[in-house]
Amino acid sequence: MGKTLRTKTLYQDKDWLVQKYVKEKLSTVEIAKIYRETENKWCDPNTISRWLKKHNIAMRSLAEAQQNRHSTVATPATRKKQ
């Protein structure tokens, strides 16, 4: 008794969050989008943040987040045609 029938969602999985947030350096917005596309269910970036905190995964500072956002190099496939 006392057990819940709920199944763990993907964003609640610590290993998945570590892979996406730490190793792939994705933002909480990007992770929420991946979850929505994969599971076809709504997920807010704040929910991702809460689960990162619950799993004691260190959040990036604003400076680190901005650095990650601007460090991607445009490839020929991602550049706009002029």
PDB file of N, CA and C in Angstrom:
ATOM      1  N   MET A   1       0.823  -1.178   0.000  1.00  0.00           N
ATOM      2  CA  MET A   1       0.000   0.000   0.000  1.00  0.00           C
ATOM      3  C   MET A   1       0.875   1.252   0.000  1.00  0.00           C
ATOM      4  N   GLY A   2       0.273   2.340  -0.432  1.00  0.00           N
ATOM      5  CA  GLY A   2       1.006   3.588  -0.443  1.00  0.00           C
ATOM      6  C   GLY A   2       1.822   3.813  -1.697  1.00  0.00           C
ATOM      7  N   LYS A   3       1.877   2.806  -2.566  1.00  0.00           N
ATOM      8  CA  LYS A   3       2.636   2.976  -3.805  1.00  0.00           C
ATOM      9  C   LYS A   3       1.781   3.718  -4.821  1.00  0.00           C
ATOM     10  N   THR A   4       2.419   4.552  -5.586  1.00  0.00           N
ATOM     11  CA  THR A   4       1.709   5.323  -6.599  1.00  0.00           C
ATOM     12  C   THR A   4       1.680   4.557  -7.914  1.00  0.00           C
ATOM     13  N   LEU A   5       0.663   4.791  -8.686  1.00  0.00           N
ATOM     14  CA  LEU A   5       0.551   4.154  -9.993  1.00  0.00           C
ATOM     15  C   LEU A   5       1.206   4.984 -11.082  1.00  0.00           C
ATOM     16  N   ARG A   6       1.682   6.162 -10.712  1.00  0.00           N
ATOM     17  CA  ARG A   6       2.333   7.029 -11.687  1.00  0.00           C
ATOM     18  C   ARG A   6       3.656   6.429 -12.132  1.00  0.00           C
ATOM     19  N   THR A   7       3.928   6.577 -13.394  1.00  0.00           N
ATOM     20  CA  THR A   7       5.232   6.159 -13.904  1.00  0.00           C
ATOM     21  C   THR A   7       6.127   7.381 -13.982  1.00  0.00           C
ATOM     22  N   LYS A   8       7.404   7.162 -13.873  1.00  0.00           N
ATOM     23  CA  LYS A   8       8.373   8.251 -13.921  1.00  0.00           C
ATOM     24  C   LYS A   8       8.415   8.814 -15.341  1.00  0.00           C
ATOM     25  N   THR A   9       8.352  10.140 -15.457  1.00  0.00           N
ATOM     26  CA  THR A   9       8.448  10.754 -16.771  1.00  0.00           C
ATOM     27  C   THR A   9       9.912  10.936 -17.145  1.00  0.00           C
ATOM     28  N   LEU A  10      10.150  11.128 -18.415  1.00  0.00           N
ATOM     29  CA  LEU A  10      11.510  11.219 -18.932  1.00  0.00           C
ATOM     30  C   LEU A  10      12.309  12.316 -18.242  1.00  0.00           C
ATOM     31  N   TYR A  11      11.703  13.480 -18.036  1.00  0.00           N
ATOM     32  CA  TYR A  11      12.443  14.593 -17.424  1.00  0.00           C
ATOM     33  C   TYR A  11      12.722  14.378 -15.942  1.00  0.00           C
ATOM     34  N   GLN A  12      12.125  13.350 -15.339  1.00  0.00           N
ATOM     35  CA  GLN A  12      12.407  13.024 -13.943  1.00  0.00           C
ATOM     36  C   GLN A  12      13.601  12.078 -13.805  1.00  0.00           C
ATOM     37  N   ASP A  13      14.087  11.554 -14.914  1.00  0.00           N
ATOM     38  CA  ASP A  13      15.205  10.611 -14.913  1.00  0.00           C
ATOM     39  C   ASP A  13      16.532  11.373 -14.817  1.00  0.00           C
ATOM     40  N   LYS A  14      17.255  11.150 -13.729  1.00  0.00           N
ATOM     41  CA  LYS A  14      18.498  11.878 -13.485  1.00  0.00           C
ATOM     42  C   LYS A  14      19.514  11.653 -14.609  1.00  0.00           C
ATOM     43  N   ASP A  15      19.682  10.418 -15.056  1.00  0.00           N
ATOM     44  CA  ASP A  15      20.658  10.123 -16.111  1.00  0.00           C
ATOM     45  C   ASP A  15      20.330  10.864 -17.406  1.00  0.00           C
ATOM     46  N   TRP A  16      19.035  10.920 -17.742  1.00  0.00           N
ATOM     47  CA  TRP A  16      18.611  11.619 -18.960  1.00  0.00           C
ATOM     48  C   TRP A  16      18.898  13.105 -18.838  1.00  0.00           C
ATOM     49  N   LEU A  17      18.601  13.678 -17.661  1.00  0.00           N
ATOM     50  CA  LEU A  17      18.863  15.106 -17.443  1.00  0.00           C
ATOM     51  C   LEU A  17      20.359  15.412 -17.481  1.00  0.00           C
ATOM     52  N   VAL A  18      21.162  14.567 -16.884  1.00  0.00           N
ATOM     53  CA  VAL A  18      22.620  14.767 -16.919  1.00  0.00           C
ATOM     54  C   VAL A  18      23.111  14.738 -18.359  1.00  0.00           C
ATOM     55  N   GLN A  19      22.613  13.783 -19.141  1.00  0.00           N
ATOM     56  CA  GLN A  19      23.018  13.682 -20.547  1.00  0.00           C
ATOM     57  C   GLN A  19      22.674  14.963 -21.302  1.00  0.00           C
ATOM     58  N   LYS A  20      21.453  15.423 -21.159  1.00  0.00           N
ATOM     59  CA  LYS A  20      20.990  16.590 -21.920  1.00  0.00           C
ATOM     60  C   LYS A  20      21.582  17.901 -21.407  1.00  0.00           C
ATOM     61  N   TYR A  21      21.550  18.111 -20.096  1.00  0.00           N
ATOM     62  CA  TYR A  21      21.936  19.410 -19.522  1.00  0.00           C
ATOM     63  C   TYR A  21      23.440  19.543 -19.335  1.00  0.00           C
ATOM     64  N   VAL A  22      24.076  18.506 -18.819  1.00  0.00           N
ATOM     65  CA  VAL A  22      25.503  18.589 -18.506  1.00  0.00           C
ATOM     66  C   VAL A  22      26.363  18.229 -19.712  1.00  0.00           C
ATOM     67  N   LYS A  23      26.108  17.072 -20.290  1.00  0.00           N
ATOM     68  CA  LYS A  23      26.977  16.595 -21.380  1.00  0.00           C
ATOM     69  C   LYS A  23      26.706  17.293 -22.708  1.00  0.00           C
ATOM     70  N   GLU A  24      25.413  17.421 -23.073  1.00  0.00           N
ATOM     71  CA  GLU A  24      25.072  18.064 -24.345  1.00  0.00           C
ATOM     72  C   GLU A  24      24.961  19.577 -24.217  1.00  0.00           C
ATOM     73  N   LYS A  25      24.975  20.081 -22.971  1.00  0.00           N
ATOM     74  CA  LYS A  25      24.904  21.509 -22.675  1.00  0.00           C
ATOM     75  C   LYS A  25      23.658  22.184 -23.259  1.00  0.00           C
ATOM     76  N   LEU A  26      22.540  21.467 -23.229  1.00  0.00           N
ATOM     77  CA  LEU A  26      21.285  22.039 -23.700  1.00  0.00           C
ATOM     78  C   LEU A  26      20.673  22.897 -22.595  1.00  0.00           C
ATOM     79  N   SER A  27      19.913  23.886 -22.982  1.00  0.00           N
ATOM     80  CA  SER A  27      19.231  24.740 -22.011  1.00  0.00           C
ATOM     81  C   SER A  27      17.961  24.044 -21.526  1.00  0.00           C
ATOM     82  N   THR A  28      17.373  24.572 -20.458  1.00  0.00           N
ATOM     83  CA  THR A  28      16.122  24.008 -19.963  1.00  0.00           C
ATOM     84  C   THR A  28      15.009  24.173 -21.007  1.00  0.00           C
ATOM     85  N   VAL A  29      15.053  25.245 -21.763  1.00  0.00           N
ATOM     86  CA  VAL A  29      14.068  25.472 -22.830  1.00  0.00           C
ATOM     87  C   VAL A  29      14.213  24.394 -23.905  1.00  0.00           C
ATOM     88  N   GLU A  30      15.454  24.098 -24.293  1.00  0.00           N
ATOM     89  CA  GLU A  30      15.695  23.081 -25.312  1.00  0.00           C
ATOM     90  C   GLU A  30      15.307  21.689 -24.818  1.00  0.00           C
ATOM     91  N   ILE A  31      15.588  21.404 -23.562  1.00  0.00           N
ATOM     92  CA  ILE A  31      15.239  20.100 -22.994  1.00  0.00           C
ATOM     93  C   ILE A  31      13.725  19.934 -22.938  1.00  0.00           C
ATOM     94  N   ALA A  32      13.017  20.980 -22.526  1.00  0.00           N
ATOM     95  CA  ALA A  32      11.550  20.929 -22.485  1.00  0.00           C
ATOM     96  C   ALA A  32      10.986  20.704 -23.880  1.00  0.00           C
ATOM     97  N   LYS A  33      11.572  21.337 -24.870  1.00  0.00           N
ATOM     98  CA  LYS A  33      11.119  21.168 -26.258  1.00  0.00           C
ATOM     99  C   LYS A  33      11.340  19.732 -26.728  1.00  0.00           C
ATOM    100  N   ILE A  34      12.497  19.167 -26.409  1.00  0.00           N
ATOM    101  CA  ILE A  34      12.784  17.774 -26.778  1.00  0.00           C
ATOM    102  C   ILE A  34      11.761  16.846 -26.122  1.00  0.00           C
ATOM    103  N   TYR A  35      11.483  17.094 -24.847  1.00  0.00           N
ATOM    104  CA  TYR A  35      10.494  16.274 -24.145  1.00  0.00           C
ATOM    105  C   TYR A  35       9.131  16.377 -24.829  1.00  0.00           C
ATOM    106  N   ARG A  36       8.709  17.589 -25.152  1.00  0.00           N
ATOM    107  CA  ARG A  36       7.405  17.780 -25.808  1.00  0.00           C
ATOM    108  C   ARG A  36       7.347  17.036 -27.132  1.00  0.00           C
ATOM    109  N   GLU A  37       8.431  17.109 -27.909  1.00  0.00           N
ATOM    110  CA  GLU A  37       8.452  16.448 -29.218  1.00  0.00           C
ATOM    111  C   GLU A  37       8.524  14.929 -29.093  1.00  0.00           C
ATOM    112  N   THR A  38       9.254  14.444 -28.098  1.00  0.00           N
ATOM    113  CA  THR A  38       9.422  13.000 -27.913  1.00  0.00           C
ATOM    114  C   THR A  38       8.176  12.354 -27.328  1.00  0.00           C
ATOM    115  N   GLU A  39       7.634  12.953 -26.273  1.00  0.00           N
ATOM    116  CA  GLU A  39       6.520  12.351 -25.534  1.00  0.00           C
ATOM    117  C   GLU A  39       5.151  12.886 -25.951  1.00  0.00           C
ATOM    118  N   ASN A  40       5.142  13.935 -26.764  1.00  0.00           N
ATOM    119  CA  ASN A  40       3.898  14.574 -27.191  1.00  0.00           C
ATOM    120  C   ASN A  40       3.059  15.023 -25.988  1.00  0.00           C
ATOM    121  N   LYS A  41       3.751  15.532 -24.968  1.00  0.00           N
ATOM    122  CA  LYS A  41       3.115  16.049 -23.758  1.00  0.00           C
ATOM    123  C   LYS A  41       3.746  17.389 -23.424  1.00  0.00           C
ATOM    124  N   TRP A  42       2.970  18.243 -22.768  1.00  0.00           N
ATOM    125  CA  TRP A  42       3.472  19.566 -22.407  1.00  0.00           C
ATOM    126  C   TRP A  42       4.503  19.471 -21.294  1.00  0.00           C
ATOM    127  N   CYS A  43       5.515  20.323 -21.370  1.00  0.00           N
ATOM    128  CA  CYS A  43       6.524  20.442 -20.318  1.00  0.00           C
ATOM    129  C   CYS A  43       7.052  21.867 -20.337  1.00  0.00           C
ATOM    130  N   ASP A  44       7.086  22.482 -19.178  1.00  0.00           N
ATOM    131  CA  ASP A  44       7.572  23.843 -19.038  1.00  0.00           C
ATOM    132  C   ASP A  44       9.059  23.822 -18.672  1.00  0.00           C
ATOM    133  N   PRO A  45       9.862  24.758 -19.173  1.00  0.00           N
ATOM    134  CA  PRO A  45      11.279  24.815 -18.793  1.00  0.00           C
ATOM    135  C   PRO A  45      11.496  24.922 -17.278  1.00  0.00           C
ATOM    136  N   ASN A  46      10.557  25.550 -16.560  1.00  0.00           N
ATOM    137  CA  ASN A  46      10.669  25.632 -15.104  1.00  0.00           C
ATOM    138  C   ASN A  46      10.568  24.255 -14.454  1.00  0.00           C
ATOM    139  N   THR A  47       9.817  23.359 -15.075  1.00  0.00           N
ATOM    140  CA  THR A  47       9.713  21.990 -14.578  1.00  0.00           C
ATOM    141  C   THR A  47      11.071  21.300 -14.693  1.00  0.00           C
ATOM    142  N   ILE A  48      11.747  21.531 -15.797  1.00  0.00           N
ATOM    143  CA  ILE A  48      13.089  20.965 -15.992  1.00  0.00           C
ATOM    144  C   ILE A  48      14.025  21.509 -14.915  1.00  0.00           C
ATOM    145  N   SER A  49      13.959  22.802 -14.657  1.00  0.00           N
ATOM    146  CA  SER A  49      14.800  23.423 -13.618  1.00  0.00           C
ATOM    147  C   SER A  49      14.546  22.799 -12.252  1.00  0.00           C
ATOM    148  N   ARG A  50      13.281  22.593 -11.925  1.00  0.00           N
ATOM    149  CA  ARG A  50      12.945  21.988 -10.638  1.00  0.00           C
ATOM    150  C   ARG A  50      13.543  20.597 -10.493  1.00  0.00           C
ATOM    151  N   TRP A  51      13.490  19.800 -11.570  1.00  0.00           N
ATOM    152  CA  TRP A  51      14.037  18.446 -11.505  1.00  0.00           C
ATOM    153  C   TRP A  51      15.561  18.450 -11.480  1.00  0.00           C
ATOM    154  N   LEU A  52      16.179  19.412 -12.125  1.00  0.00           N
ATOM    155  CA  LEU A  52      17.641  19.535 -12.017  1.00  0.00           C
ATOM    156  C   LEU A  52      18.011  19.786 -10.552  1.00  0.00           C
ATOM    157  N   LYS A  53      17.281  20.674  -9.901  1.00  0.00           N
ATOM    158  CA  LYS A  53      17.540  20.979  -8.489  1.00  0.00           C
ATOM    159  C   LYS A  53      17.269  19.775  -7.595  1.00  0.00           C
ATOM    160  N   LYS A  54      16.182  19.045  -7.866  1.00  0.00           N
ATOM    161  CA  LYS A  54      15.844  17.866  -7.062  1.00  0.00           C
ATOM    162  C   LYS A  54      16.948  16.813  -7.139  1.00  0.00           C
ATOM    163  N   HIS A  55      17.588  16.718  -8.307  1.00  0.00           N
ATOM    164  CA  HIS A  55      18.665  15.733  -8.493  1.00  0.00           C
ATOM    165  C   HIS A  55      20.036  16.311  -8.148  1.00  0.00           C
ATOM    166  N   ASN A  56      20.064  17.512  -7.593  1.00  0.00           N
ATOM    167  CA  ASN A  56      21.323  18.178  -7.221  1.00  0.00           C
ATOM    168  C   ASN A  56      22.283  18.330  -8.398  1.00  0.00           C
ATOM    169  N   ILE A  57      21.720  18.629  -9.552  1.00  0.00           N
ATOM    170  CA  ILE A  57      22.527  18.919 -10.739  1.00  0.00           C
ATOM    171  C   ILE A  57      22.740  20.429 -10.751  1.00  0.00           C
ATOM    172  N   ALA A  58      23.995  20.841 -10.714  1.00  0.00           N
ATOM    173  CA  ALA A  58      24.317  22.267 -10.623  1.00  0.00           C
ATOM    174  C   ALA A  58      23.800  23.019 -11.843  1.00  0.00           C
ATOM    175  N   MET A  59      23.087  24.097 -11.555  1.00  0.00           N
ATOM    176  CA  MET A  59      22.568  24.949 -12.630  1.00  0.00           C
ATOM    177  C   MET A  59      23.687  25.863 -13.114  1.00  0.00           C
ATOM    178  N   ARG A  60      23.653  26.173 -14.402  1.00  0.00           N
ATOM    179  CA  ARG A  60      24.640  27.086 -14.965  1.00  0.00           C
ATOM    180  C   ARG A  60      24.311  28.519 -14.551  1.00  0.00           C
ATOM    181  N   SER A  61      25.342  29.320 -14.437  1.00  0.00           N
ATOM    182  CA  SER A  61      25.130  30.743 -14.176  1.00  0.00           C
ATOM    183  C   SER A  61      24.621  31.395 -15.460  1.00  0.00           C
ATOM    184  N   LEU A  62      24.125  32.600 -15.330  1.00  0.00           N
ATOM    185  CA  LEU A  62      23.643  33.328 -16.503  1.00  0.00           C
ATOM    186  C   LEU A  62      24.777  33.512 -17.514  1.00  0.00           C
ATOM    187  N   ALA A  63      25.967  33.812 -17.026  1.00  0.00           N
ATOM    188  CA  ALA A  63      27.118  34.006 -17.914  1.00  0.00           C
ATOM    189  C   ALA A  63      27.450  32.720 -18.671  1.00  0.00           C
ATOM    190  N   GLU A  64      27.413  31.582 -17.979  1.00  0.00           N
ATOM    191  CA  GLU A  64      27.689  30.301 -18.636  1.00  0.00           C
ATOM    192  C   GLU A  64      26.621  29.978 -19.671  1.00  0.00           C
ATOM    193  N   ALA A  65      25.372  30.246 -19.329  1.00  0.00           N
ATOM    194  CA  ALA A  65      24.272  29.973 -20.248  1.00  0.00           C
ATOM    195  C   ALA A  65      24.404  30.816 -21.516  1.00  0.00           C
ATOM    196  N   GLN A  66      24.744  32.090 -21.332  1.00  0.00           N
ATOM    197  CA  GLN A  66      24.913  32.967 -22.494  1.00  0.00           C
ATOM    198  C   GLN A  66      26.109  32.542 -23.335  1.00  0.00           C
ATOM    199  N   GLN A  67      27.165  32.108 -22.680  1.00  0.00           N
ATOM    200  CA  GLN A  67      28.350  31.650 -23.401  1.00  0.00           C
ATOM    201  C   GLN A  67      28.010  30.419 -24.239  1.00  0.00           C
ATOM    202  N   ASN A  68      27.258  29.479 -23.669  1.00  0.00           N
ATOM    203  CA  ASN A  68      26.849  28.286 -24.417  1.00  0.00           C
ATOM    204  C   ASN A  68      25.972  28.650 -25.599  1.00  0.00           C
ATOM    205  N   ARG A  69      25.080  29.605 -25.387  1.00  0.00           N
ATOM    206  CA  ARG A  69      24.159  30.003 -26.450  1.00  0.00           C
ATOM    207  C   ARG A  69      24.904  30.612 -27.629  1.00  0.00           C
ATOM    208  N   HIS A  70      25.964  31.362 -27.351  1.00  0.00           N
ATOM    209  CA  HIS A  70      26.681  32.065 -28.409  1.00  0.00           C
ATOM    210  C   HIS A  70      27.915  31.326 -28.914  1.00  0.00           C
ATOM    211  N   SER A  71      28.212  30.170 -28.345  1.00  0.00           N
ATOM    212  CA  SER A  71      29.424  29.459 -28.746  1.00  0.00           C
ATOM    213  C   SER A  71      29.200  28.511 -29.913  1.00  0.00           C
ATOM    214  N   THR A  72      27.949  28.313 -30.323  1.00  0.00           N
ATOM    215  CA  THR A  72      27.705  27.405 -31.439  1.00  0.00           C
ATOM    216  C   THR A  72      28.166  28.065 -32.725  1.00  0.00           C
ATOM    217  N   VAL A  73      28.887  27.302 -33.512  1.00  0.00           N
ATOM    218  CA  VAL A  73      29.423  27.810 -34.772  1.00  0.00           C
ATOM    219  C   VAL A  73      28.475  27.430 -35.889  1.00  0.00           C
ATOM    220  N   ALA A  74      28.149  28.379 -36.726  1.00  0.00           N
ATOM    221  CA  ALA A  74      27.245  28.117 -37.844  1.00  0.00           C
ATOM    222  C   ALA A  74      27.937  27.243 -38.876  1.00  0.00           C
ATOM    223  N   THR A  75      27.239  26.201 -39.273  1.00  0.00           N
ATOM    224  CA  THR A  75      27.738  25.320 -40.330  1.00  0.00           C
ATOM    225  C   THR A  75      27.073  25.741 -41.632  1.00  0.00           C
ATOM    226  N   PRO A  76      27.585  25.296 -42.773  1.00  0.00           N
ATOM    227  CA  PRO A  76      26.955  25.683 -44.038  1.00  0.00           C
ATOM    228  C   PRO A  76      25.466  25.341 -44.075  1.00  0.00           C
ATOM    229  N   ALA A  77      25.066  24.251 -43.435  1.00  0.00           N
ATOM    230  CA  ALA A  77      23.669  23.858 -43.452  1.00  0.00           C
ATOM    231  C   ALA A  77      22.787  24.775 -42.614  1.00  0.00           C
ATOM    232  N   THR A  78      23.366  25.441 -41.604  1.00  0.00           N
ATOM    233  CA  THR A  78      22.567  26.289 -40.735  1.00  0.00           C
ATOM    234  C   THR A  78      22.633  27.767 -41.099  1.00  0.00           C
ATOM    235  N   ARG A  79      23.542  28.120 -41.977  1.00  0.00           N
ATOM    236  CA  ARG A  79      23.647  29.531 -42.389  1.00  0.00           C
ATOM    237  C   ARG A  79      22.497  29.872 -43.335  1.00  0.00           C
ATOM    238  N   LYS A  80      22.027  31.106 -43.240  1.00  0.00           N
ATOM    239  CA  LYS A  80      20.976  31.558 -44.149  1.00  0.00           C
ATOM    240  C   LYS A  80      21.603  31.838 -45.510  1.00  0.00           C
ATOM    241  N   LYS A  81      20.846  31.486 -46.547  1.00  0.00           N
ATOM    242  CA  LYS A  81      21.326  31.777 -47.905  1.00  0.00           C
ATOM    243  C   LYS A  81      21.175  33.261 -48.158  1.00  0.00           C
ATOM    244  N   GLN A  82      22.196  33.815 -48.747  1.00  0.00           N
ATOM    245  CA  GLN A  82      22.165  35.257 -49.004  1.00  0.00           C
ATOM    246  C   GLN A  82      21.963  35.543 -50.468  1.00  0.00           C
TER     247      GLN A  82
END
